[in-house]
Amino acid sequence: MENLKDVENSPNYTFVKGDIEDVDFLSALFQSHQFEGIIHLAAESHVDRSITNPLAFIRTNVLGTVNLLDAAVKHWKGNTQRFYHISTDEVFGSIEEPGLFTENTPYDPKSPYSASKASSDHFVRAYHNTYDLPILISNCSNNYGPCQFPEKLVPLCINNIKESSPVPVYGQGLNIRDWLYVEDHAAAIDLIYHKGLVGETYNIGGGSPCKNIDLVRSICRIMDEKLNRPIGQSESLITFVKDRAGHDLRYAIDSKKIIEDLKWQTTTTLEEGLRTTVAWYLENDSWLDHVTSGHYKNYYHLQYNKR
């Protein structure tokens, strides 16, 4: 709810609290609002938590998606609506250099999270083929930016450096990820929803691949500058911890299709995005303090303190 304060008084905004596992709730929602379309982002999204609680990811990501698909098939008549499903590059598994994930790369999920998202992708395509549901799918690389919950790597690093706490890095930090600034992703979602071809899949990549350890060091450098600390002080907080089970080595997305077909481009370099993100978190102490209280502290202890 902290992330909705900027829009909560907008006349074209309505918030309804519900659960996509609740079939009756979804049916009533479709009946009362007569949706012109769905942009489906509801998902459990953190790999680490999928390892400790895979059933939660199956219930939300798979069963929840099917519930939403069923509601759309039941309540939508004709083909004027659009069901847009947001997915991840993790469904493809790991890829060796210099390969890139394309929209035709075979699925090879390696974690409970990626397996649940791969399953939901397949169900979305199945409903298109079986029920003629007008669908769109996109698979994006790692998002980062303001307002991201600090279980994710970038805000976790920023928060820990701010507090002069150890910054945990899995293994030796050699895993490679492609980083996509959140506003670039939002622009891509808007384009795909309005101009994408029904039945098509679009890959969305940030074009900024790097090793996790290099990303963390960049954040450390920017934090030292912003906090007027000696350069290198924050880097001393880096603590290598036991690697994640089944940790994919490298992800890399080919965004050629969305660039050529929909004329989308990234507008934010990784350096620019990290600087903007660091500045936002440092300027929003109260937001960060609020979301890292309570359950977050228990989660963090279980996830990192025993590694």
C-alpha atoms as a PDB file:
ATOM      1  CA  MET A   1       0.000   0.000   0.000  1.00  0.00           C
ATOM      2  CA  GLU A   2       2.992   2.320   0.528  1.00  0.00           C
ATOM      3  CA  ASN A   3       3.558   2.324  -3.235  1.00  0.00           C
ATOM      4  CA  LEU A   4       0.007   3.459  -4.065  1.00  0.00           C
ATOM      5  CA  LYS A   5      -0.084   6.718  -2.127  1.00  0.00           C
ATOM      6  CA  ASP A   6       0.749   8.797  -5.207  1.00  0.00           C
ATOM      7  CA  VAL A   7      -2.347   7.576  -7.066  1.00  0.00           C
ATOM      8  CA  GLU A   8      -4.844   6.784  -4.323  1.00  0.00           C
ATOM      9  CA  ASN A   9      -6.789  10.029  -4.906  1.00  0.00           C
ATOM     10  CA  SER A  10      -6.792   9.803  -8.707  1.00  0.00           C
ATOM     11  CA  PRO A  11     -10.288   9.706 -10.251  1.00  0.00           C
ATOM     12  CA  ASN A  12      -9.365   6.851 -12.629  1.00  0.00           C
ATOM     13  CA  TYR A  13      -7.991   4.636  -9.845  1.00  0.00           C
ATOM     14  CA  THR A  14      -9.840   2.042  -7.769  1.00  0.00           C
ATOM     15  CA  PHE A  15      -8.249  -0.319  -5.269  1.00  0.00           C
ATOM     16  CA  VAL A  16      -9.959  -3.588  -4.380  1.00  0.00           C
ATOM     17  CA  LYS A  17      -8.226  -5.956  -1.992  1.00  0.00           C
ATOM     18  CA  GLY A  18      -8.554  -9.602  -3.006  1.00  0.00           C
ATOM     19  CA  ASP A  19      -6.850 -12.894  -3.714  1.00  0.00           C
ATOM     20  CA  ILE A  20      -6.521 -14.510  -7.141  1.00  0.00           C
ATOM     21  CA  GLU A  21      -6.890 -17.867  -5.418  1.00  0.00           C
ATOM     22  CA  ASP A  22     -10.496 -16.847  -4.570  1.00  0.00           C
ATOM     23  CA  VAL A  23     -12.654 -17.901  -7.542  1.00  0.00           C
ATOM     24  CA  ASP A  24     -15.853 -16.288  -6.248  1.00  0.00           C
ATOM     25  CA  PHE A  25     -14.079 -12.995  -5.627  1.00  0.00           C
ATOM     26  CA  LEU A  26     -12.689 -12.943  -9.177  1.00  0.00           C
ATOM     27  CA  SER A  27     -16.076 -13.714 -10.695  1.00  0.00           C
ATOM     28  CA  ALA A  28     -17.720 -10.883  -8.749  1.00  0.00           C
ATOM     29  CA  LEU A  29     -14.910  -8.541  -9.737  1.00  0.00           C
ATOM     30  CA  PHE A  30     -15.361  -9.276 -13.443  1.00  0.00           C
ATOM     31  CA  GLN A  31     -19.124  -8.829 -13.149  1.00  0.00           C
ATOM     32  CA  SER A  32     -18.952  -5.507 -11.321  1.00  0.00           C
ATOM     33  CA  HIS A  33     -16.178  -3.831 -13.309  1.00  0.00           C
ATOM     34  CA  GLN A  34     -16.651  -5.156 -16.871  1.00  0.00           C
ATOM     35  CA  PHE A  35     -12.910  -5.067 -17.597  1.00  0.00           C
ATOM     36  CA  GLU A  36     -11.712  -4.055 -21.031  1.00  0.00           C
ATOM     37  CA  GLY A  37      -8.473  -5.884 -20.354  1.00  0.00           C
ATOM     38  CA  ILE A  38      -6.183  -7.462 -17.772  1.00  0.00           C
ATOM     39  CA  ILE A  39      -2.503  -6.750 -17.135  1.00  0.00           C
ATOM     40  CA  HIS A  40      -1.604  -9.681 -14.902  1.00  0.00           C
ATOM     41  CA  LEU A  41       1.340  -8.974 -12.592  1.00  0.00           C
ATOM     42  CA  ALA A  42       0.102 -10.824  -9.499  1.00  0.00           C
ATOM     43  CA  ALA A  43       2.833 -13.301  -8.575  1.00  0.00           C
ATOM     44  CA  GLU A  44       5.145 -14.604  -5.927  1.00  0.00           C
ATOM     45  CA  SER A  45       8.430 -13.458  -7.434  1.00  0.00           C
ATOM     46  CA  HIS A  46      11.440 -14.179  -5.201  1.00  0.00           C
ATOM     47  CA  VAL A  47      13.511 -17.272  -6.000  1.00  0.00           C
ATOM     48  CA  ASP A  48      14.847 -17.664  -2.460  1.00  0.00           C
ATOM     49  CA  ARG A  49      11.374 -17.871  -0.948  1.00  0.00           C
ATOM     50  CA  SER A  50      10.301 -20.362  -3.616  1.00  0.00           C
ATOM     51  CA  ILE A  51      13.004 -22.702  -2.377  1.00  0.00           C
ATOM     52  CA  THR A  52      11.737 -22.588   1.208  1.00  0.00           C
ATOM     53  CA  ASN A  53       8.012 -22.507   0.338  1.00  0.00           C
ATOM     54  CA  PRO A  54       7.346 -23.808  -3.192  1.00  0.00           C
ATOM     55  CA  LEU A  55       3.643 -24.486  -2.578  1.00  0.00           C
ATOM     56  CA  ALA A  56       2.934 -20.774  -2.112  1.00  0.00           C
ATOM     57  CA  PHE A  57       4.347 -20.169  -5.589  1.00  0.00           C
ATOM     58  CA  ILE A  58       2.271 -22.948  -7.125  1.00  0.00           C
ATOM     59  CA  ARG A  59      -0.915 -21.635  -5.510  1.00  0.00           C
ATOM     60  CA  THR A  60      -0.404 -18.031  -6.604  1.00  0.00           C
ATOM     61  CA  ASN A  61       1.511 -18.296  -9.863  1.00  0.00           C
ATOM     62  CA  VAL A  62      -0.134 -21.379 -11.338  1.00  0.00           C
ATOM     63  CA  LEU A  63      -3.562 -21.843  -9.748  1.00  0.00           C
ATOM     64  CA  GLY A  64      -4.094 -18.103  -9.374  1.00  0.00           C
ATOM     65  CA  THR A  65      -3.307 -17.517 -13.040  1.00  0.00           C
ATOM     66  CA  VAL A  66      -5.667 -20.302 -14.110  1.00  0.00           C
ATOM     67  CA  ASN A  67      -8.409 -18.800 -11.916  1.00  0.00           C
ATOM     68  CA  LEU A  68      -7.918 -15.452 -13.654  1.00  0.00           C
ATOM     69  CA  LEU A  69      -7.943 -17.109 -17.076  1.00  0.00           C
ATOM     70  CA  ASP A  70     -11.142 -18.985 -16.217  1.00  0.00           C
ATOM     71  CA  ALA A  71     -12.823 -15.764 -15.120  1.00  0.00           C
ATOM     72  CA  ALA A  72     -11.828 -14.058 -18.371  1.00  0.00           C
ATOM     73  CA  VAL A  73     -13.176 -16.934 -20.478  1.00  0.00           C
ATOM     74  CA  LYS A  74     -16.408 -16.982 -18.485  1.00  0.00           C
ATOM     75  CA  HIS A  75     -17.124 -13.249 -18.526  1.00  0.00           C
ATOM     76  CA  TRP A  76     -15.596 -11.944 -21.755  1.00  0.00           C
ATOM     77  CA  LYS A  77     -17.624 -12.252 -24.936  1.00  0.00           C
ATOM     78  CA  GLY A  78     -15.979 -11.720 -28.307  1.00  0.00           C
ATOM     79  CA  ASN A  79     -12.334 -10.804 -28.845  1.00  0.00           C
ATOM     80  CA  THR A  80     -12.248  -7.115 -27.958  1.00  0.00           C
ATOM     81  CA  GLN A  81     -10.478  -7.565 -24.598  1.00  0.00           C
ATOM     82  CA  ARG A  82      -6.821  -8.374 -23.908  1.00  0.00           C
ATOM     83  CA  PHE A  83      -5.274 -10.659 -21.284  1.00  0.00           C
ATOM     84  CA  TYR A  84      -1.634  -9.592 -20.861  1.00  0.00           C
ATOM     85  CA  HIS A  85       0.501 -11.923 -18.726  1.00  0.00           C
ATOM     86  CA  ILE A  86       3.822 -10.637 -17.333  1.00  0.00           C
ATOM     87  CA  SER A  87       6.529 -13.297 -17.003  1.00  0.00           C
ATOM     88  CA  THR A  88      10.278 -13.645 -16.500  1.00  0.00           C
ATOM     89  CA  ASP A  89      13.434 -14.626 -18.351  1.00  0.00           C
ATOM     90  CA  GLU A  90      14.082 -17.240 -15.647  1.00  0.00           C
ATOM     91  CA  VAL A  91      11.750 -19.667 -17.422  1.00  0.00           C
ATOM     92  CA  PHE A  92      14.547 -20.235 -19.976  1.00  0.00           C
ATOM     93  CA  GLY A  93      17.109 -21.446 -17.443  1.00  0.00           C
ATOM     94  CA  SER A  94      20.780 -20.567 -17.838  1.00  0.00           C
ATOM     95  CA  ILE A  95      22.478 -19.760 -21.157  1.00  0.00           C
ATOM     96  CA  GLU A  96      26.162 -19.830 -22.049  1.00  0.00           C
ATOM     97  CA  GLU A  97      28.033 -16.910 -23.589  1.00  0.00           C
ATOM     98  CA  PRO A  98      27.464 -15.442 -26.120  1.00  0.00           C
ATOM     99  CA  GLY A  99      23.914 -16.811 -26.368  1.00  0.00           C
ATOM    100  CA  LEU A 100      20.744 -14.764 -25.856  1.00  0.00           C
ATOM    101  CA  PHE A 101      17.201 -15.751 -24.929  1.00  0.00           C
ATOM    102  CA  THR A 102      14.781 -15.202 -27.801  1.00  0.00           C
ATOM    103  CA  GLU A 103      11.019 -15.668 -27.816  1.00  0.00           C
ATOM    104  CA  ASN A 104      11.622 -19.147 -29.282  1.00  0.00           C
ATOM    105  CA  THR A 105      14.172 -20.349 -26.714  1.00  0.00           C
ATOM    106  CA  PRO A 106      12.984 -23.651 -25.169  1.00  0.00           C
ATOM    107  CA  TYR A 107      11.876 -23.442 -21.552  1.00  0.00           C
ATOM    108  CA  ASP A 108      14.244 -24.966 -18.987  1.00  0.00           C
ATOM    109  CA  PRO A 109      13.232 -23.677 -15.518  1.00  0.00           C
ATOM    110  CA  LYS A 110      15.555 -24.624 -12.667  1.00  0.00           C
ATOM    111  CA  SER A 111      13.858 -23.272  -9.512  1.00  0.00           C
ATOM    112  CA  PRO A 112      10.364 -23.636  -8.045  1.00  0.00           C
ATOM    113  CA  TYR A 113       9.784 -19.966  -8.903  1.00  0.00           C
ATOM    114  CA  SER A 114      10.797 -20.274 -12.557  1.00  0.00           C
ATOM    115  CA  ALA A 115       8.916 -23.580 -12.875  1.00  0.00           C
ATOM    116  CA  SER A 116       5.743 -21.927 -11.555  1.00  0.00           C
ATOM    117  CA  LYS A 117       6.107 -19.029 -14.001  1.00  0.00           C
ATOM    118  CA  ALA A 118       6.839 -21.399 -16.895  1.00  0.00           C
ATOM    119  CA  SER A 119       3.696 -23.336 -16.019  1.00  0.00           C
ATOM    120  CA  SER A 120       1.595 -20.178 -15.932  1.00  0.00           C
ATOM    121  CA  ASP A 121       3.000 -19.129 -19.340  1.00  0.00           C
ATOM    122  CA  HIS A 122       1.958 -22.468 -20.790  1.00  0.00           C
ATOM    123  CA  PHE A 123      -1.548 -22.152 -19.347  1.00  0.00           C
ATOM    124  CA  VAL A 124      -1.949 -18.674 -20.837  1.00  0.00           C
ATOM    125  CA  ARG A 125      -0.971 -19.980 -24.287  1.00  0.00           C
ATOM    126  CA  ALA A 126      -3.229 -23.016 -23.829  1.00  0.00           C
ATOM    127  CA  TYR A 127      -6.237 -20.781 -23.110  1.00  0.00           C
ATOM    128  CA  HIS A 128      -5.454 -18.810 -26.254  1.00  0.00           C
ATOM    129  CA  ASN A 129      -5.337 -21.982 -28.357  1.00  0.00           C
ATOM    130  CA  THR A 130      -8.272 -23.752 -26.674  1.00  0.00           C
ATOM    131  CA  TYR A 131     -10.702 -20.922 -25.873  1.00  0.00           C
ATOM    132  CA  ASP A 132      -9.495 -18.273 -28.330  1.00  0.00           C
ATOM    133  CA  LEU A 133      -8.719 -15.958 -25.405  1.00  0.00           C
ATOM    134  CA  PRO A 134      -6.867 -12.862 -26.709  1.00  0.00           C
ATOM    135  CA  ILE A 135      -3.556 -13.070 -24.850  1.00  0.00           C
ATOM    136  CA  LEU A 136      -0.144 -11.408 -24.797  1.00  0.00           C
ATOM    137  CA  ILE A 137       2.959 -12.519 -22.878  1.00  0.00           C
ATOM    138  CA  SER A 138       6.215 -10.784 -22.062  1.00  0.00           C
ATOM    139  CA  ASN A 139       9.343 -12.187 -20.445  1.00  0.00           C
ATOM    140  CA  CYS A 140      11.538  -9.571 -18.807  1.00  0.00           C
ATOM    141  CA  SER A 141      14.961  -9.473 -17.200  1.00  0.00           C
ATOM    142  CA  ASN A 142      15.719  -8.406 -13.603  1.00  0.00           C
ATOM    143  CA  ASN A 143      13.855  -5.246 -12.623  1.00  0.00           C
ATOM    144  CA  TYR A 144      15.230  -2.571 -10.310  1.00  0.00           C
ATOM    145  CA  GLY A 145      14.291   0.958  -9.314  1.00  0.00           C
ATOM    146  CA  PRO A 146      12.409   2.971  -6.667  1.00  0.00           C
ATOM    147  CA  CYS A 147       9.748   1.348  -4.467  1.00  0.00           C
ATOM    148  CA  GLN A 148      11.126  -2.197  -4.836  1.00  0.00           C
ATOM    149  CA  PHE A 149      10.773  -4.392  -1.768  1.00  0.00           C
ATOM    150  CA  PRO A 150      14.216  -4.969  -0.176  1.00  0.00           C
ATOM    151  CA  GLU A 151      14.240  -8.731  -0.500  1.00  0.00           C
ATOM    152  CA  LYS A 152      15.589  -8.027  -4.009  1.00  0.00           C
ATOM    153  CA  LEU A 153      19.320  -7.526  -4.536  1.00  0.00           C
ATOM    154  CA  VAL A 154      19.525  -3.806  -5.352  1.00  0.00           C
ATOM    155  CA  PRO A 155      17.379  -2.391  -2.513  1.00  0.00           C
ATOM    156  CA  LEU A 156      18.761  -4.998  -0.096  1.00  0.00           C
ATOM    157  CA  CYS A 157      22.287  -3.736  -0.810  1.00  0.00           C
ATOM    158  CA  ILE A 158      21.243  -0.097  -0.458  1.00  0.00           C
ATOM    159  CA  ASN A 159      19.474  -0.714   2.849  1.00  0.00           C
ATOM    160  CA  ASN A 160      22.316  -2.755   4.324  1.00  0.00           C
ATOM    161  CA  ILE A 161      24.988  -0.273   3.241  1.00  0.00           C
ATOM    162  CA  LYS A 162      22.942   2.579   4.723  1.00  0.00           C
ATOM    163  CA  GLU A 163      22.839   0.691   8.015  1.00  0.00           C
ATOM    164  CA  SER A 164      26.545  -0.380   7.739  1.00  0.00           C
ATOM    165  CA  SER A 165      25.401  -4.006   7.848  1.00  0.00           C
ATOM    166  CA  PRO A 166      26.975  -6.927   5.949  1.00  0.00           C
ATOM    167  CA  VAL A 167      25.976  -7.089   2.285  1.00  0.00           C
ATOM    168  CA  PRO A 168      25.374 -10.779   1.434  1.00  0.00           C
ATOM    169  CA  VAL A 169      26.473 -12.001  -1.995  1.00  0.00           C
ATOM    170  CA  TYR A 170      25.799 -15.577  -3.083  1.00  0.00           C
ATOM    171  CA  GLY A 171      28.826 -17.740  -3.911  1.00  0.00           C
ATOM    172  CA  GLN A 172      31.500 -15.520  -5.439  1.00  0.00           C
ATOM    173  CA  GLY A 173      29.007 -13.204  -7.111  1.00  0.00           C
ATOM    174  CA  LEU A 174      29.851 -14.493 -10.599  1.00  0.00           C
ATOM    175  CA  ASN A 175      26.257 -15.068 -11.719  1.00  0.00           C
ATOM    176  CA  ILE A 176      25.331 -12.773 -14.609  1.00  0.00           C
ATOM    177  CA  ARG A 177      22.014 -10.958 -14.837  1.00  0.00           C
ATOM    178  CA  ASP A 178      20.573  -8.397 -17.244  1.00  0.00           C
ATOM    179  CA  TRP A 179      19.168  -5.341 -15.437  1.00  0.00           C
ATOM    180  CA  LEU A 180      16.028  -3.475 -16.555  1.00  0.00           C
ATOM    181  CA  TYR A 181      15.080  -0.121 -15.034  1.00  0.00           C
ATOM    182  CA  VAL A 182      11.474  -0.173 -13.846  1.00  0.00           C
ATOM    183  CA  GLU A 183      10.313   2.821 -15.900  1.00  0.00           C
ATOM    184  CA  ASP A 184      11.702   1.259 -19.079  1.00  0.00           C
ATOM    185  CA  HIS A 185       9.770  -1.891 -18.228  1.00  0.00           C
ATOM    186  CA  ALA A 186       6.579   0.101 -17.584  1.00  0.00           C
ATOM    187  CA  ALA A 187       6.932   1.763 -20.995  1.00  0.00           C
ATOM    188  CA  ALA A 188       7.331  -1.654 -22.624  1.00  0.00           C
ATOM    189  CA  ILE A 189       4.239  -2.999 -20.845  1.00  0.00           C
ATOM    190  CA  ASP A 190       2.204  -0.030 -22.068  1.00  0.00           C
ATOM    191  CA  LEU A 191       3.355  -0.592 -25.655  1.00  0.00           C
ATOM    192  CA  ILE A 192       2.720  -4.334 -25.618  1.00  0.00           C
ATOM    193  CA  TYR A 193      -0.747  -3.974 -24.081  1.00  0.00           C
ATOM    194  CA  HIS A 194      -1.889  -1.373 -26.606  1.00  0.00           C
ATOM    195  CA  LYS A 195       0.044  -2.311 -29.740  1.00  0.00           C
ATOM    196  CA  GLY A 196       1.280  -5.890 -29.384  1.00  0.00           C
ATOM    197  CA  LEU A 197      -0.177  -8.583 -31.616  1.00  0.00           C
ATOM    198  CA  VAL A 198      -2.596 -10.951 -29.895  1.00  0.00           C
ATOM    199  CA  GLY A 199      -1.059 -14.361 -29.272  1.00  0.00           C
ATOM    200  CA  GLU A 200       2.501 -13.021 -29.414  1.00  0.00           C
ATOM    201  CA  THR A 201       5.315 -13.095 -26.859  1.00  0.00           C
ATOM    202  CA  TYR A 202       7.805 -10.254 -26.408  1.00  0.00           C
ATOM    203  CA  ASN A 203      11.141 -10.358 -24.583  1.00  0.00           C
ATOM    204  CA  ILE A 204      12.061  -7.221 -22.613  1.00  0.00           C
ATOM    205  CA  GLY A 205      15.728  -6.841 -21.689  1.00  0.00           C
ATOM    206  CA  GLY A 206      17.612  -3.964 -20.141  1.00  0.00           C
ATOM    207  CA  GLY A 207      20.694  -4.453 -22.286  1.00  0.00           C
ATOM    208  CA  SER A 208      22.834  -4.156 -19.142  1.00  0.00           C
ATOM    209  CA  PRO A 209      24.259  -7.578 -18.280  1.00  0.00           C
ATOM    210  CA  CYS A 210      26.804  -7.773 -15.489  1.00  0.00           C
ATOM    211  CA  LYS A 211      28.094 -10.061 -12.752  1.00  0.00           C
ATOM    212  CA  ASN A 212      26.305  -9.738  -9.431  1.00  0.00           C
ATOM    213  CA  ILE A 213      29.540  -8.813  -7.673  1.00  0.00           C
ATOM    214  CA  ASP A 214      30.150  -5.989 -10.154  1.00  0.00           C
ATOM    215  CA  LEU A 215      26.624  -4.685  -9.618  1.00  0.00           C
ATOM    216  CA  VAL A 216      27.087  -4.747  -5.843  1.00  0.00           C
ATOM    217  CA  ARG A 217      30.426  -2.933  -6.123  1.00  0.00           C
ATOM    218  CA  SER A 218      28.797  -0.251  -8.268  1.00  0.00           C
ATOM    219  CA  ILE A 219      26.118   0.259  -5.618  1.00  0.00           C
ATOM    220  CA  CYS A 220      28.831   0.449  -2.946  1.00  0.00           C
ATOM    221  CA  ARG A 221      30.682   3.145  -4.909  1.00  0.00           C
ATOM    222  CA  ILE A 222      27.534   5.220  -5.460  1.00  0.00           C
ATOM    223  CA  MET A 223      26.526   4.864  -1.800  1.00  0.00           C
ATOM    224  CA  ASP A 224      29.967   6.035  -0.651  1.00  0.00           C
ATOM    225  CA  GLU A 225      29.590   9.122  -2.843  1.00  0.00           C
ATOM    226  CA  LYS A 226      26.055   9.864  -1.665  1.00  0.00           C
ATOM    227  CA  LEU A 227      26.860   9.331   2.027  1.00  0.00           C
ATOM    228  CA  ASN A 228      30.217  11.149   1.864  1.00  0.00           C
ATOM    229  CA  ARG A 229      32.053   8.047   2.979  1.00  0.00           C
ATOM    230  CA  PRO A 230      35.592   7.181   1.862  1.00  0.00           C
ATOM    231  CA  ILE A 231      35.460   5.305  -1.446  1.00  0.00           C
ATOM    232  CA  GLY A 232      35.815   1.604  -0.615  1.00  0.00           C
ATOM    233  CA  GLN A 233      34.239   1.774   2.827  1.00  0.00           C
ATOM    234  CA  SER A 234      30.945   0.255   1.717  1.00  0.00           C
ATOM    235  CA  GLU A 235      32.689  -2.429  -0.333  1.00  0.00           C
ATOM    236  CA  SER A 236      34.251  -3.724   2.895  1.00  0.00           C
ATOM    237  CA  LEU A 237      30.718  -4.757   3.930  1.00  0.00           C
ATOM    238  CA  ILE A 238      30.470  -7.352   1.138  1.00  0.00           C
ATOM    239  CA  THR A 239      30.101 -10.813   2.669  1.00  0.00           C
ATOM    240  CA  PHE A 240      30.110 -13.918   0.488  1.00  0.00           C
ATOM    241  CA  VAL A 241      27.537 -16.452   1.668  1.00  0.00           C
ATOM    242  CA  LYS A 242      26.613 -20.000   0.685  1.00  0.00           C
ATOM    243  CA  ASP A 243      25.295 -20.056  -2.866  1.00  0.00           C
ATOM    244  CA  ARG A 244      21.623 -20.437  -3.639  1.00  0.00           C
ATOM    245  CA  ALA A 245      20.536 -23.998  -4.512  1.00  0.00           C
ATOM    246  CA  GLY A 246      20.291 -24.504  -8.274  1.00  0.00           C
ATOM    247  CA  HIS A 247      21.566 -20.981  -8.992  1.00  0.00           C
ATOM    248  CA  ASP A 248      21.490 -20.273 -12.757  1.00  0.00           C
ATOM    249  CA  LEU A 249      24.804 -18.838 -13.946  1.00  0.00           C
ATOM    250  CA  ARG A 250      23.808 -16.488 -16.766  1.00  0.00           C
ATOM    251  CA  TYR A 251      20.682 -14.820 -18.154  1.00  0.00           C
ATOM    252  CA  ALA A 252      20.766 -12.655 -21.283  1.00  0.00           C
ATOM    253  CA  ILE A 253      17.773 -11.405 -23.290  1.00  0.00           C
ATOM    254  CA  ASP A 254      17.469 -10.547 -26.971  1.00  0.00           C
ATOM    255  CA  SER A 255      14.983  -7.646 -27.218  1.00  0.00           C
ATOM    256  CA  LYS A 256      15.137  -7.395 -31.006  1.00  0.00           C
ATOM    257  CA  LYS A 257      11.458  -8.243 -31.536  1.00  0.00           C
ATOM    258  CA  ILE A 258       9.977  -5.516 -29.305  1.00  0.00           C
ATOM    259  CA  ILE A 259      12.528  -2.993 -30.584  1.00  0.00           C
ATOM    260  CA  GLU A 260      11.758  -3.663 -34.231  1.00  0.00           C
ATOM    261  CA  ASP A 261       8.026  -4.394 -34.045  1.00  0.00           C
ATOM    262  CA  LEU A 262       6.910  -1.898 -31.381  1.00  0.00           C
ATOM    263  CA  LYS A 263       9.766   0.653 -31.537  1.00  0.00           C
ATOM    264  CA  TRP A 264      10.604   0.305 -27.854  1.00  0.00           C
ATOM    265  CA  GLN A 265      14.010   1.308 -26.496  1.00  0.00           C
ATOM    266  CA  THR A 266      15.587   1.516 -23.073  1.00  0.00           C
ATOM    267  CA  THR A 267      16.155   5.103 -21.974  1.00  0.00           C
ATOM    268  CA  THR A 268      18.120   4.534 -18.761  1.00  0.00           C
ATOM    269  CA  THR A 269      21.671   3.187 -18.514  1.00  0.00           C
ATOM    270  CA  LEU A 270      22.529   0.937 -15.576  1.00  0.00           C
ATOM    271  CA  GLU A 271      24.697   3.650 -14.011  1.00  0.00           C
ATOM    272  CA  GLU A 272      21.919   6.258 -14.354  1.00  0.00           C
ATOM    273  CA  GLY A 273      19.314   3.854 -13.031  1.00  0.00           C
ATOM    274  CA  LEU A 274      21.388   2.862 -10.012  1.00  0.00           C
ATOM    275  CA  ARG A 275      22.091   6.493  -9.147  1.00  0.00           C
ATOM    276  CA  THR A 276      18.402   7.386  -9.381  1.00  0.00           C
ATOM    277  CA  THR A 277      17.460   4.331  -7.331  1.00  0.00           C
ATOM    278  CA  VAL A 278      20.022   5.003  -4.593  1.00  0.00           C
ATOM    279  CA  ALA A 279      18.905   8.626  -4.374  1.00  0.00           C
ATOM    280  CA  TRP A 280      15.245   7.578  -4.032  1.00  0.00           C
ATOM    281  CA  TYR A 281      15.915   5.170  -1.167  1.00  0.00           C
ATOM    282  CA  LEU A 282      18.094   7.670   0.689  1.00  0.00           C
ATOM    283  CA  GLU A 283      15.376  10.318   0.288  1.00  0.00           C
ATOM    284  CA  ASN A 284      12.644   7.933   1.478  1.00  0.00           C
ATOM    285  CA  ASP A 285      13.931   6.686   4.824  1.00  0.00           C
ATOM    286  CA  SER A 286      10.446   6.433   6.307  1.00  0.00           C
ATOM    287  CA  TRP A 287       9.239   4.196   3.439  1.00  0.00           C
ATOM    288  CA  LEU A 288      12.244   1.905   3.830  1.00  0.00           C
ATOM    289  CA  ASP A 289      11.994   1.777   7.615  1.00  0.00           C
ATOM    290  CA  HIS A 290       8.303   0.938   7.407  1.00  0.00           C
ATOM    291  CA  VAL A 291       8.596  -1.934   4.923  1.00  0.00           C
ATOM    292  CA  THR A 292      11.640  -3.474   6.632  1.00  0.00           C
ATOM    293  CA  SER A 293       9.955  -3.830  10.006  1.00  0.00           C
ATOM    294  CA  GLY A 294       8.165  -6.870  11.400  1.00  0.00           C
ATOM    295  CA  HIS A 295       8.009  -9.872   9.074  1.00  0.00           C
ATOM    296  CA  TYR A 296      10.886  -8.619   6.920  1.00  0.00           C
ATOM    297  CA  LYS A 297      13.343  -8.914   9.795  1.00  0.00           C
ATOM    298  CA  ASN A 298      12.285 -12.524  10.434  1.00  0.00           C
ATOM    299  CA  TYR A 299      12.610 -13.294   6.722  1.00  0.00           C
ATOM    300  CA  TYR A 300      16.057 -11.710   6.533  1.00  0.00           C
ATOM    301  CA  HIS A 301      17.287 -13.655   9.561  1.00  0.00           C
ATOM    302  CA  LEU A 302      16.138 -16.980   8.113  1.00  0.00           C
ATOM    303  CA  GLN A 303      17.474 -16.196   4.634  1.00  0.00           C
ATOM    304  CA  TYR A 304      20.957 -14.867   5.363  1.00  0.00           C
ATOM    305  CA  ASN A 305      22.043 -15.128   9.000  1.00  0.00           C
ATOM    306  CA  LYS A 306      22.419 -18.915   8.821  1.00  0.00           C
ATOM    307  CA  ARG A 307      24.453 -18.927   5.593  1.00  0.00           C
END
